[in-house]
Amino acid sequence: MKTKTKNLLLIAVLLILLSSCAETVNVKQCVDQNNVYGFWGGTWHGMILTFSFIGSLFDDSIAIYAVNNNGGWYNFGFVGGFFIMFRIFFKLIVAIINAIF
């Protein structure tokens, strides 16, 4: 098996494994005011944004943003979590491209 094929297969398996981390929340639980997401909840939701978005295209029960949040801190964590994962994905893709070529 060629190295390029192995790398593409590894990427596919990695994406499938990472997409299994996408979180779903029951709607009744989502509007429960006793369970309000803060900074760390926003960070986690930002980190799984890509997988949640892809999942939401195929399943209407998957949301990418928690409605019951505490406002600014949740948003700050959400954006920070997204950029953390964006940076990791970017470095991973650059490393794979450099390994292939």
PDB file of N, CA and C in Angstrom:
ATOM      1  N   MET A   1       0.846  -1.173   0.000  1.00  0.00           N
ATOM      2  CA  MET A   1       0.000   0.000   0.000  1.00  0.00           C
ATOM      3  C   MET A   1       0.893   1.239   0.000  1.00  0.00           C
ATOM      4  N   LYS A   2       0.597   2.183  -0.862  1.00  0.00           N
ATOM      5  CA  LYS A   2       1.413   3.375  -0.969  1.00  0.00           C
ATOM      6  C   LYS A   2       1.256   4.248   0.274  1.00  0.00           C
ATOM      7  N   THR A   3       2.267   5.051   0.510  1.00  0.00           N
ATOM      8  CA  THR A   3       2.250   5.937   1.668  1.00  0.00           C
ATOM      9  C   THR A   3       1.109   6.942   1.575  1.00  0.00           C
ATOM     10  N   LYS A   4       0.848   7.447   0.379  1.00  0.00           N
ATOM     11  CA  LYS A   4      -0.220   8.437   0.193  1.00  0.00           C
ATOM     12  C   LYS A   4      -1.582   7.812   0.538  1.00  0.00           C
ATOM     13  N   THR A   5      -1.802   6.591   0.119  1.00  0.00           N
ATOM     14  CA  THR A   5      -3.061   5.900   0.416  1.00  0.00           C
ATOM     15  C   THR A   5      -3.182   5.636   1.906  1.00  0.00           C
ATOM     16  N   LYS A   6      -2.079   5.245   2.547  1.00  0.00           N
ATOM     17  CA  LYS A   6      -2.098   5.017   3.987  1.00  0.00           C
ATOM     18  C   LYS A   6      -2.437   6.298   4.742  1.00  0.00           C
ATOM     19  N   ASN A   7      -1.850   7.408   4.309  1.00  0.00           N
ATOM     20  CA  ASN A   7      -2.112   8.683   4.970  1.00  0.00           C
ATOM     21  C   ASN A   7      -3.566   9.107   4.806  1.00  0.00           C
ATOM     22  N   LEU A   8      -4.123   8.929   3.615  1.00  0.00           N
ATOM     23  CA  LEU A   8      -5.528   9.287   3.400  1.00  0.00           C
ATOM     24  C   LEU A   8      -6.451   8.395   4.210  1.00  0.00           C
ATOM     25  N   LEU A   9      -6.116   7.124   4.314  1.00  0.00           N
ATOM     26  CA  LEU A   9      -6.900   6.209   5.138  1.00  0.00           C
ATOM     27  C   LEU A   9      -6.804   6.598   6.615  1.00  0.00           C
ATOM     28  N   LEU A  10      -5.636   6.976   7.063  1.00  0.00           N
ATOM     29  CA  LEU A  10      -5.440   7.429   8.439  1.00  0.00           C
ATOM     30  C   LEU A  10      -6.266   8.689   8.725  1.00  0.00           C
ATOM     31  N   ILE A  11      -6.289   9.618   7.792  1.00  0.00           N
ATOM     32  CA  ILE A  11      -7.078  10.838   7.948  1.00  0.00           C
ATOM     33  C   ILE A  11      -8.565  10.500   8.058  1.00  0.00           C
ATOM     34  N   ALA A  12      -9.041   9.605   7.208  1.00  0.00           N
ATOM     35  CA  ALA A  12     -10.449   9.223   7.232  1.00  0.00           C
ATOM     36  C   ALA A  12     -10.822   8.575   8.559  1.00  0.00           C
ATOM     37  N   VAL A  13      -9.987   7.676   9.041  1.00  0.00           N
ATOM     38  CA  VAL A  13     -10.252   7.014  10.325  1.00  0.00           C
ATOM     39  C   VAL A  13     -10.213   8.037  11.464  1.00  0.00           C
ATOM     40  N   LEU A  14      -9.253   8.948  11.422  1.00  0.00           N
ATOM     41  CA  LEU A  14      -9.137   9.975  12.447  1.00  0.00           C
ATOM     42  C   LEU A  14     -10.373  10.874  12.467  1.00  0.00           C
ATOM     43  N   LEU A  15     -10.860  11.269  11.310  1.00  0.00           N
ATOM     44  CA  LEU A  15     -12.057  12.110  11.243  1.00  0.00           C
ATOM     45  C   LEU A  15     -13.290  11.381  11.765  1.00  0.00           C
ATOM     46  N   ILE A  16     -13.399  10.110  11.468  1.00  0.00           N
ATOM     47  CA  ILE A  16     -14.537   9.328  11.978  1.00  0.00           C
ATOM     48  C   ILE A  16     -14.464   9.218  13.496  1.00  0.00           C
ATOM     49  N   LEU A  17     -13.270   8.968  14.029  1.00  0.00           N
ATOM     50  CA  LEU A  17     -13.118   8.862  15.478  1.00  0.00           C
ATOM     51  C   LEU A  17     -13.402  10.187  16.174  1.00  0.00           C
ATOM     52  N   LEU A  18     -12.931  11.283  15.601  1.00  0.00           N
ATOM     53  CA  LEU A  18     -13.162  12.584  16.212  1.00  0.00           C
ATOM     54  C   LEU A  18     -14.624  13.018  16.111  1.00  0.00           C
ATOM     55  N   SER A  19     -15.293  12.605  15.055  1.00  0.00           N
ATOM     56  CA  SER A  19     -16.697  13.001  14.912  1.00  0.00           C
ATOM     57  C   SER A  19     -17.588  12.283  15.911  1.00  0.00           C
ATOM     58  N   SER A  20     -17.103  11.217  16.505  1.00  0.00           N
ATOM     59  CA  SER A  20     -17.896  10.523  17.512  1.00  0.00           C
ATOM     60  C   SER A  20     -17.939  11.303  18.820  1.00  0.00           C
ATOM     61  N   CYS A  21     -17.181  12.365  18.934  1.00  0.00           N
ATOM     62  CA  CYS A  21     -17.174  13.194  20.140  1.00  0.00           C
ATOM     63  C   CYS A  21     -18.286  14.241  20.140  1.00  0.00           C
ATOM     64  N   ALA A  22     -18.991  14.400  19.043  1.00  0.00           N
ATOM     65  CA  ALA A  22     -20.039  15.417  18.975  1.00  0.00           C
ATOM     66  C   ALA A  22     -21.116  15.127  20.008  1.00  0.00           C
ATOM     67  N   GLU A  23     -21.493  16.168  20.718  1.00  0.00           N
ATOM     68  CA  GLU A  23     -22.417  16.016  21.834  1.00  0.00           C
ATOM     69  C   GLU A  23     -23.830  16.421  21.413  1.00  0.00           C
ATOM     70  N   THR A  24     -24.813  15.695  21.864  1.00  0.00           N
ATOM     71  CA  THR A  24     -26.205  16.064  21.650  1.00  0.00           C
ATOM     72  C   THR A  24     -26.880  16.236  23.003  1.00  0.00           C
ATOM     73  N   VAL A  25     -27.798  17.190  23.057  1.00  0.00           N
ATOM     74  CA  VAL A  25     -28.508  17.482  24.290  1.00  0.00           C
ATOM     75  C   VAL A  25     -29.994  17.465  23.995  1.00  0.00           C
ATOM     76  N   ASN A  26     -30.763  16.821  24.847  1.00  0.00           N
ATOM     77  CA  ASN A  26     -32.207  16.798  24.712  1.00  0.00           C
ATOM     78  C   ASN A  26     -32.738  18.226  24.822  1.00  0.00           C
ATOM     79  N   VAL A  27     -33.760  18.570  24.026  1.00  0.00           N
ATOM     80  CA  VAL A  27     -34.290  19.930  24.000  1.00  0.00           C
ATOM     81  C   VAL A  27     -34.836  20.332  25.370  1.00  0.00           C
ATOM     82  N   LYS A  28     -35.518  19.425  26.059  1.00  0.00           N
ATOM     83  CA  LYS A  28     -36.038  19.736  27.391  1.00  0.00           C
ATOM     84  C   LYS A  28     -34.890  20.054  28.354  1.00  0.00           C
ATOM     85  N   GLN A  29     -33.802  19.342  28.221  1.00  0.00           N
ATOM     86  CA  GLN A  29     -32.646  19.599  29.062  1.00  0.00           C
ATOM     87  C   GLN A  29     -31.985  20.917  28.666  1.00  0.00           C
ATOM     88  N   CYS A  30     -32.068  21.262  27.392  1.00  0.00           N
ATOM     89  CA  CYS A  30     -31.430  22.468  26.876  1.00  0.00           C
ATOM     90  C   CYS A  30     -32.069  23.726  27.455  1.00  0.00           C
ATOM     91  N   VAL A  31     -33.379  23.736  27.597  1.00  0.00           N
ATOM     92  CA  VAL A  31     -34.060  24.922  28.117  1.00  0.00           C
ATOM     93  C   VAL A  31     -34.182  24.889  29.638  1.00  0.00           C
ATOM     94  N   ASP A  32     -33.621  23.884  30.285  1.00  0.00           N
ATOM     95  CA  ASP A  32     -33.615  23.782  31.738  1.00  0.00           C
ATOM     96  C   ASP A  32     -32.691  24.857  32.300  1.00  0.00           C
ATOM     97  N   GLN A  33     -33.229  25.760  33.084  1.00  0.00           N
ATOM     98  CA  GLN A  33     -32.430  26.863  33.628  1.00  0.00           C
ATOM     99  C   GLN A  33     -31.468  26.417  34.728  1.00  0.00           C
ATOM    100  N   ASN A  34     -31.619  25.193  35.225  1.00  0.00           N
ATOM    101  CA  ASN A  34     -30.693  24.686  36.227  1.00  0.00           C
ATOM    102  C   ASN A  34     -29.388  24.220  35.606  1.00  0.00           C
ATOM    103  N   ASN A  35     -29.377  24.038  34.289  1.00  0.00           N
ATOM    104  CA  ASN A  35     -28.191  23.563  33.581  1.00  0.00           C
ATOM    105  C   ASN A  35     -27.755  24.649  32.595  1.00  0.00           C
ATOM    106  N   VAL A  36     -27.076  25.676  33.095  1.00  0.00           N
ATOM    107  CA  VAL A  36     -26.636  26.800  32.270  1.00  0.00           C
ATOM    108  C   VAL A  36     -25.165  26.592  31.925  1.00  0.00           C
ATOM    109  N   TYR A  37     -24.852  26.668  30.639  1.00  0.00           N
ATOM    110  CA  TYR A  37     -23.471  26.491  30.185  1.00  0.00           C
ATOM    111  C   TYR A  37     -22.695  27.787  30.360  1.00  0.00           C
ATOM    112  N   GLY A  38     -21.467  27.650  30.845  1.00  0.00           N
ATOM    113  CA  GLY A  38     -20.588  28.795  31.053  1.00  0.00           C
ATOM    114  C   GLY A  38     -19.379  28.728  30.138  1.00  0.00           C
ATOM    115  N   PHE A  39     -18.261  29.235  30.636  1.00  0.00           N
ATOM    116  CA  PHE A  39     -17.043  29.317  29.838  1.00  0.00           C
ATOM    117  C   PHE A  39     -16.581  27.952  29.346  1.00  0.00           C
ATOM    118  N   TRP A  40     -16.502  26.961  30.247  1.00  0.00           N
ATOM    119  CA  TRP A  40     -15.979  25.646  29.855  1.00  0.00           C
ATOM    120  C   TRP A  40     -16.937  24.918  28.929  1.00  0.00           C
ATOM    121  N   GLY A  41     -18.240  25.091  29.132  1.00  0.00           N
ATOM    122  CA  GLY A  41     -19.207  24.509  28.201  1.00  0.00           C
ATOM    123  C   GLY A  41     -19.076  25.121  26.817  1.00  0.00           C
ATOM    124  N   GLY A  42     -18.861  26.447  26.775  1.00  0.00           N
ATOM    125  CA  GLY A  42     -18.652  27.121  25.497  1.00  0.00           C
ATOM    126  C   GLY A  42     -17.375  26.675  24.815  1.00  0.00           C
ATOM    127  N   THR A  43     -16.333  26.463  25.618  1.00  0.00           N
ATOM    128  CA  THR A  43     -15.060  25.986  25.054  1.00  0.00           C
ATOM    129  C   THR A  43     -15.248  24.615  24.415  1.00  0.00           C
ATOM    130  N   TRP A  44     -15.921  23.720  25.122  1.00  0.00           N
ATOM    131  CA  TRP A  44     -16.150  22.378  24.584  1.00  0.00           C
ATOM    132  C   TRP A  44     -17.005  22.443  23.322  1.00  0.00           C
ATOM    133  N   HIS A  45     -18.070  23.231  23.342  1.00  0.00           N
ATOM    134  CA  HIS A  45     -18.943  23.332  22.170  1.00  0.00           C
ATOM    135  C   HIS A  45     -18.211  23.971  20.985  1.00  0.00           C
ATOM    136  N   GLY A  46     -17.307  24.893  21.260  1.00  0.00           N
ATOM    137  CA  GLY A  46     -16.495  25.470  20.194  1.00  0.00           C
ATOM    138  C   GLY A  46     -15.532  24.451  19.595  1.00  0.00           C
ATOM    139  N   MET A  47     -14.988  23.580  20.465  1.00  0.00           N
ATOM    140  CA  MET A  47     -14.044  22.582  19.983  1.00  0.00           C
ATOM    141  C   MET A  47     -14.721  21.525  19.111  1.00  0.00           C
ATOM    142  N   ILE A  48     -15.979  21.210  19.390  1.00  0.00           N
ATOM    143  CA  ILE A  48     -16.672  20.193  18.594  1.00  0.00           C
ATOM    144  C   ILE A  48     -17.581  20.822  17.544  1.00  0.00           C
ATOM    145  N   LEU A  49     -17.397  22.134  17.302  1.00  0.00           N
ATOM    146  CA  LEU A  49     -18.248  22.848  16.342  1.00  0.00           C
ATOM    147  C   LEU A  49     -18.246  22.204  14.964  1.00  0.00           C
ATOM    148  N   THR A  50     -17.086  21.875  14.451  1.00  0.00           N
ATOM    149  CA  THR A  50     -16.986  21.298  13.107  1.00  0.00           C
ATOM    150  C   THR A  50     -17.775  19.995  13.007  1.00  0.00           C
ATOM    151  N   PHE A  51     -17.603  19.137  13.997  1.00  0.00           N
ATOM    152  CA  PHE A  51     -18.297  17.849  13.976  1.00  0.00           C
ATOM    153  C   PHE A  51     -19.794  18.017  14.216  1.00  0.00           C
ATOM    154  N   SER A  52     -20.145  18.953  15.097  1.00  0.00           N
ATOM    155  CA  SER A  52     -21.565  19.211  15.349  1.00  0.00           C
ATOM    156  C   SER A  52     -22.239  19.787  14.111  1.00  0.00           C
ATOM    157  N   PHE A  53     -21.527  20.657  13.393  1.00  0.00           N
ATOM    158  CA  PHE A  53     -22.099  21.233  12.176  1.00  0.00           C
ATOM    159  C   PHE A  53     -22.340  20.160  11.121  1.00  0.00           C
ATOM    160  N   ILE A  54     -21.366  19.301  10.917  1.00  0.00           N
ATOM    161  CA  ILE A  54     -21.526  18.228   9.936  1.00  0.00           C
ATOM    162  C   ILE A  54     -22.672  17.308  10.355  1.00  0.00           C
ATOM    163  N   GLY A  55     -22.736  16.969  11.628  1.00  0.00           N
ATOM    164  CA  GLY A  55     -23.828  16.129  12.122  1.00  0.00           C
ATOM    165  C   GLY A  55     -25.180  16.797  11.986  1.00  0.00           C
ATOM    166  N   SER A  56     -25.235  18.136  12.192  1.00  0.00           N
ATOM    167  CA  SER A  56     -26.513  18.848  12.098  1.00  0.00           C
ATOM    168  C   SER A  56     -27.049  18.890  10.669  1.00  0.00           C
ATOM    169  N   LEU A  57     -26.187  18.692   9.699  1.00  0.00           N
ATOM    170  CA  LEU A  57     -26.652  18.643   8.308  1.00  0.00           C
ATOM    171  C   LEU A  57     -27.469  17.389   8.030  1.00  0.00           C
ATOM    172  N   PHE A  58     -27.200  16.332   8.792  1.00  0.00           N
ATOM    173  CA  PHE A  58     -27.869  15.058   8.578  1.00  0.00           C
ATOM    174  C   PHE A  58     -28.910  14.713   9.640  1.00  0.00           C
ATOM    175  N   ASP A  59     -28.841  15.359  10.790  1.00  0.00           N
ATOM    176  CA  ASP A  59     -29.754  15.049  11.894  1.00  0.00           C
ATOM    177  C   ASP A  59     -30.208  16.346  12.555  1.00  0.00           C
ATOM    178  N   ASP A  60     -31.511  16.600  12.567  1.00  0.00           N
ATOM    179  CA  ASP A  60     -32.054  17.842  13.106  1.00  0.00           C
ATOM    180  C   ASP A  60     -31.959  17.930  14.624  1.00  0.00           C
ATOM    181  N   SER A  61     -31.670  16.847  15.294  1.00  0.00           N
ATOM    182  CA  SER A  61     -31.592  16.883  16.752  1.00  0.00           C
ATOM    183  C   SER A  61     -30.225  17.357  17.255  1.00  0.00           C
ATOM    184  N   ILE A  62     -29.270  17.599  16.357  1.00  0.00           N
ATOM    185  CA  ILE A  62     -27.944  18.054  16.747  1.00  0.00           C
ATOM    186  C   ILE A  62     -27.865  19.559  16.563  1.00  0.00           C
ATOM    187  N   ALA A  63     -27.524  20.254  17.641  1.00  0.00           N
ATOM    188  CA  ALA A  63     -27.368  21.707  17.602  1.00  0.00           C
ATOM    189  C   ALA A  63     -25.897  22.055  17.789  1.00  0.00           C
ATOM    190  N   ILE A  64     -25.489  23.206  17.269  1.00  0.00           N
ATOM    191  CA  ILE A  64     -24.087  23.587  17.378  1.00  0.00           C
ATOM    192  C   ILE A  64     -23.865  24.663  18.436  1.00  0.00           C
ATOM    193  N   TYR A  65     -24.928  25.152  19.061  1.00  0.00           N
ATOM    194  CA  TYR A  65     -24.820  26.240  20.028  1.00  0.00           C
ATOM    195  C   TYR A  65     -25.846  26.013  21.127  1.00  0.00           C
ATOM    196  N   ALA A  66     -25.444  26.103  22.388  1.00  0.00           N
ATOM    197  CA  ALA A  66     -26.364  25.905  23.511  1.00  0.00           C
ATOM    198  C   ALA A  66     -27.145  27.183  23.770  1.00  0.00           C
ATOM    199  N   VAL A  67     -28.444  27.084  23.745  1.00  0.00           N
ATOM    200  CA  VAL A  67     -29.295  28.254  23.951  1.00  0.00           C
ATOM    201  C   VAL A  67     -29.227  28.725  25.403  1.00  0.00           C
ATOM    202  N   ASN A  68     -29.172  27.807  26.330  1.00  0.00           N
ATOM    203  CA  ASN A  68     -29.135  28.180  27.749  1.00  0.00           C
ATOM    204  C   ASN A  68     -27.691  28.377  28.213  1.00  0.00           C
ATOM    205  N   ASN A  69     -27.150  29.549  27.913  1.00  0.00           N
ATOM    206  CA  ASN A  69     -25.787  29.865  28.316  1.00  0.00           C
ATOM    207  C   ASN A  69     -25.796  31.129  29.161  1.00  0.00           C
ATOM    208  N   ASN A  70     -24.652  31.444  29.743  1.00  0.00           N
ATOM    209  CA  ASN A  70     -24.583  32.603  30.619  1.00  0.00           C
ATOM    210  C   ASN A  70     -24.141  33.878  29.895  1.00  0.00           C
ATOM    211  N   GLY A  71     -24.126  33.878  28.587  1.00  0.00           N
ATOM    212  CA  GLY A  71     -23.840  35.103  27.837  1.00  0.00           C
ATOM    213  C   GLY A  71     -22.405  35.203  27.357  1.00  0.00           C
ATOM    214  N   GLY A  72     -21.753  36.279  27.782  1.00  0.00           N
ATOM    215  CA  GLY A  72     -20.427  36.615  27.265  1.00  0.00           C
ATOM    216  C   GLY A  72     -19.359  35.571  27.508  1.00  0.00           C
ATOM    217  N   TRP A  73     -19.345  34.974  28.696  1.00  0.00           N
ATOM    218  CA  TRP A  73     -18.319  33.974  28.979  1.00  0.00           C
ATOM    219  C   TRP A  73     -18.502  32.726  28.127  1.00  0.00           C
ATOM    220  N   TYR A  74     -19.751  32.324  27.901  1.00  0.00           N
ATOM    221  CA  TYR A  74     -19.992  31.177  27.019  1.00  0.00           C
ATOM    222  C   TYR A  74     -19.503  31.499  25.607  1.00  0.00           C
ATOM    223  N   ASN A  75     -19.847  32.674  25.114  1.00  0.00           N
ATOM    224  CA  ASN A  75     -19.427  33.078  23.765  1.00  0.00           C
ATOM    225  C   ASN A  75     -17.906  33.148  23.653  1.00  0.00           C
ATOM    226  N   PHE A  76     -17.262  33.685  24.691  1.00  0.00           N
ATOM    227  CA  PHE A  76     -15.798  33.762  24.696  1.00  0.00           C
ATOM    228  C   PHE A  76     -15.179  32.368  24.634  1.00  0.00           C
ATOM    229  N   GLY A  77     -15.705  31.461  25.439  1.00  0.00           N
ATOM    230  CA  GLY A  77     -15.220  30.079  25.412  1.00  0.00           C
ATOM    231  C   GLY A  77     -15.501  29.394  24.088  1.00  0.00           C
ATOM    232  N   PHE A  78     -16.671  29.675  23.501  1.00  0.00           N
ATOM    233  CA  PHE A  78     -17.053  29.068  22.227  1.00  0.00           C
ATOM    234  C   PHE A  78     -16.065  29.471  21.129  1.00  0.00           C
ATOM    235  N   VAL A  79     -15.788  30.756  21.034  1.00  0.00           N
ATOM    236  CA  VAL A  79     -14.853  31.241  20.007  1.00  0.00           C
ATOM    237  C   VAL A  79     -13.445  30.720  20.287  1.00  0.00           C
ATOM    238  N   GLY A  80     -13.035  30.734  21.564  1.00  0.00           N
ATOM    239  CA  GLY A  80     -11.711  30.218  21.915  1.00  0.00           C
ATOM    240  C   GLY A  80     -11.564  28.746  21.597  1.00  0.00           C
ATOM    241  N   GLY A  81     -12.589  27.960  21.915  1.00  0.00           N
ATOM    242  CA  GLY A  81     -12.564  26.526  21.610  1.00  0.00           C
ATOM    243  C   GLY A  81     -12.486  26.265  20.122  1.00  0.00           C
ATOM    244  N   PHE A  82     -13.214  27.073  19.340  1.00  0.00           N
ATOM    245  CA  PHE A  82     -13.158  26.913  17.885  1.00  0.00           C
ATOM    246  C   PHE A  82     -11.752  27.194  17.363  1.00  0.00           C
ATOM    247  N   PHE A  83     -11.126  28.262  17.849  1.00  0.00           N
ATOM    248  CA  PHE A  83      -9.789  28.592  17.359  1.00  0.00           C
ATOM    249  C   PHE A  83      -8.734  27.597  17.821  1.00  0.00           C
ATOM    250  N   ILE A  84      -8.933  26.995  18.991  1.00  0.00           N
ATOM    251  CA  ILE A  84      -8.021  25.935  19.439  1.00  0.00           C
ATOM    252  C   ILE A  84      -8.064  24.770  18.443  1.00  0.00           C
ATOM    253  N   MET A  85      -9.264  24.320  18.110  1.00  0.00           N
ATOM    254  CA  MET A  85      -9.401  23.199  17.169  1.00  0.00           C
ATOM    255  C   MET A  85      -8.966  23.592  15.762  1.00  0.00           C
ATOM    256  N   PHE A  86      -9.259  24.832  15.356  1.00  0.00           N
ATOM    257  CA  PHE A  86      -8.836  25.307  14.038  1.00  0.00           C
ATOM    258  C   PHE A  86      -7.320  25.247  13.921  1.00  0.00           C
ATOM    259  N   ARG A  87      -6.640  25.670  14.969  1.00  0.00           N
ATOM    260  CA  ARG A  87      -5.178  25.644  14.949  1.00  0.00           C
ATOM    261  C   ARG A  87      -4.648  24.212  14.907  1.00  0.00           C
ATOM    262  N   ILE A  88      -5.262  23.327  15.680  1.00  0.00           N
ATOM    263  CA  ILE A  88      -4.845  21.914  15.678  1.00  0.00           C
ATOM    264  C   ILE A  88      -5.061  21.294  14.301  1.00  0.00           C
ATOM    265  N   PHE A  89      -6.247  21.517  13.712  1.00  0.00           N
ATOM    266  CA  PHE A  89      -6.527  20.978  12.378  1.00  0.00           C
ATOM    267  C   PHE A  89      -5.566  21.537  11.344  1.00  0.00           C
ATOM    268  N   PHE A  90      -5.285  22.843  11.415  1.00  0.00           N
ATOM    269  CA  PHE A  90      -4.384  23.468  10.461  1.00  0.00           C
ATOM    270  C   PHE A  90      -2.995  22.849  10.551  1.00  0.00           C
ATOM    271  N   LYS A  91      -2.484  22.689  11.770  1.00  0.00           N
ATOM    272  CA  LYS A  91      -1.154  22.085  11.938  1.00  0.00           C
ATOM    273  C   LYS A  91      -1.142  20.633  11.473  1.00  0.00           C
ATOM    274  N   LEU A  92      -2.229  19.910  11.759  1.00  0.00           N
ATOM    275  CA  LEU A  92      -2.328  18.517  11.326  1.00  0.00           C
ATOM    276  C   LEU A  92      -2.336  18.410   9.803  1.00  0.00           C
ATOM    277  N   ILE A  93      -3.106  19.257   9.154  1.00  0.00           N
ATOM    278  CA  ILE A  93      -3.187  19.228   7.686  1.00  0.00           C
ATOM    279  C   ILE A  93      -1.848  19.600   7.068  1.00  0.00           C
ATOM    280  N   VAL A  94      -1.189  20.627   7.615  1.00  0.00           N
ATOM    281  CA  VAL A  94       0.124  21.020   7.098  1.00  0.00           C
ATOM    282  C   VAL A  94       1.127  19.878   7.276  1.00  0.00           C
ATOM    283  N   ALA A  95       1.106  19.204   8.410  1.00  0.00           N
ATOM    284  CA  ALA A  95       2.031  18.088   8.647  1.00  0.00           C
ATOM    285  C   ALA A  95       1.767  16.939   7.682  1.00  0.00           C
ATOM    286  N   ILE A  96       0.486  16.672   7.425  1.00  0.00           N
ATOM    287  CA  ILE A  96       0.134  15.584   6.493  1.00  0.00           C
ATOM    288  C   ILE A  96       0.569  15.937   5.081  1.00  0.00           C
ATOM    289  N   ILE A  97       0.326  17.173   4.680  1.00  0.00           N
ATOM    290  CA  ILE A  97       0.728  17.603   3.328  1.00  0.00           C
ATOM    291  C   ILE A  97       2.240  17.533   3.183  1.00  0.00           C
ATOM    292  N   ASN A  98       2.954  17.972   4.209  1.00  0.00           N
ATOM    293  CA  ASN A  98       4.433  17.893   4.157  1.00  0.00           C
ATOM    294  C   ASN A  98       4.914  16.452   4.129  1.00  0.00           C
ATOM    295  N   ALA A  99       4.210  15.556   4.809  1.00  0.00           N
ATOM    296  CA  ALA A  99       4.605  14.145   4.804  1.00  0.00           C
ATOM    297  C   ALA A  99       4.323  13.495   3.449  1.00  0.00           C
ATOM    298  N   ILE A 100       3.245  13.905   2.798  1.00  0.00           N
ATOM    299  CA  ILE A 100       2.892  13.326   1.504  1.00  0.00           C
ATOM    300  C   ILE A 100       3.807  13.841   0.399  1.00  0.00           C
ATOM    301  N   PHE A 101       4.066  15.127   0.406  1.00  0.00           N
ATOM    302  CA  PHE A 101       4.881  15.717  -0.665  1.00  0.00           C
ATOM    303  C   PHE A 101       6.250  15.963  -0.145  1.00  0.00           C
TER     304      PHE A 101
END
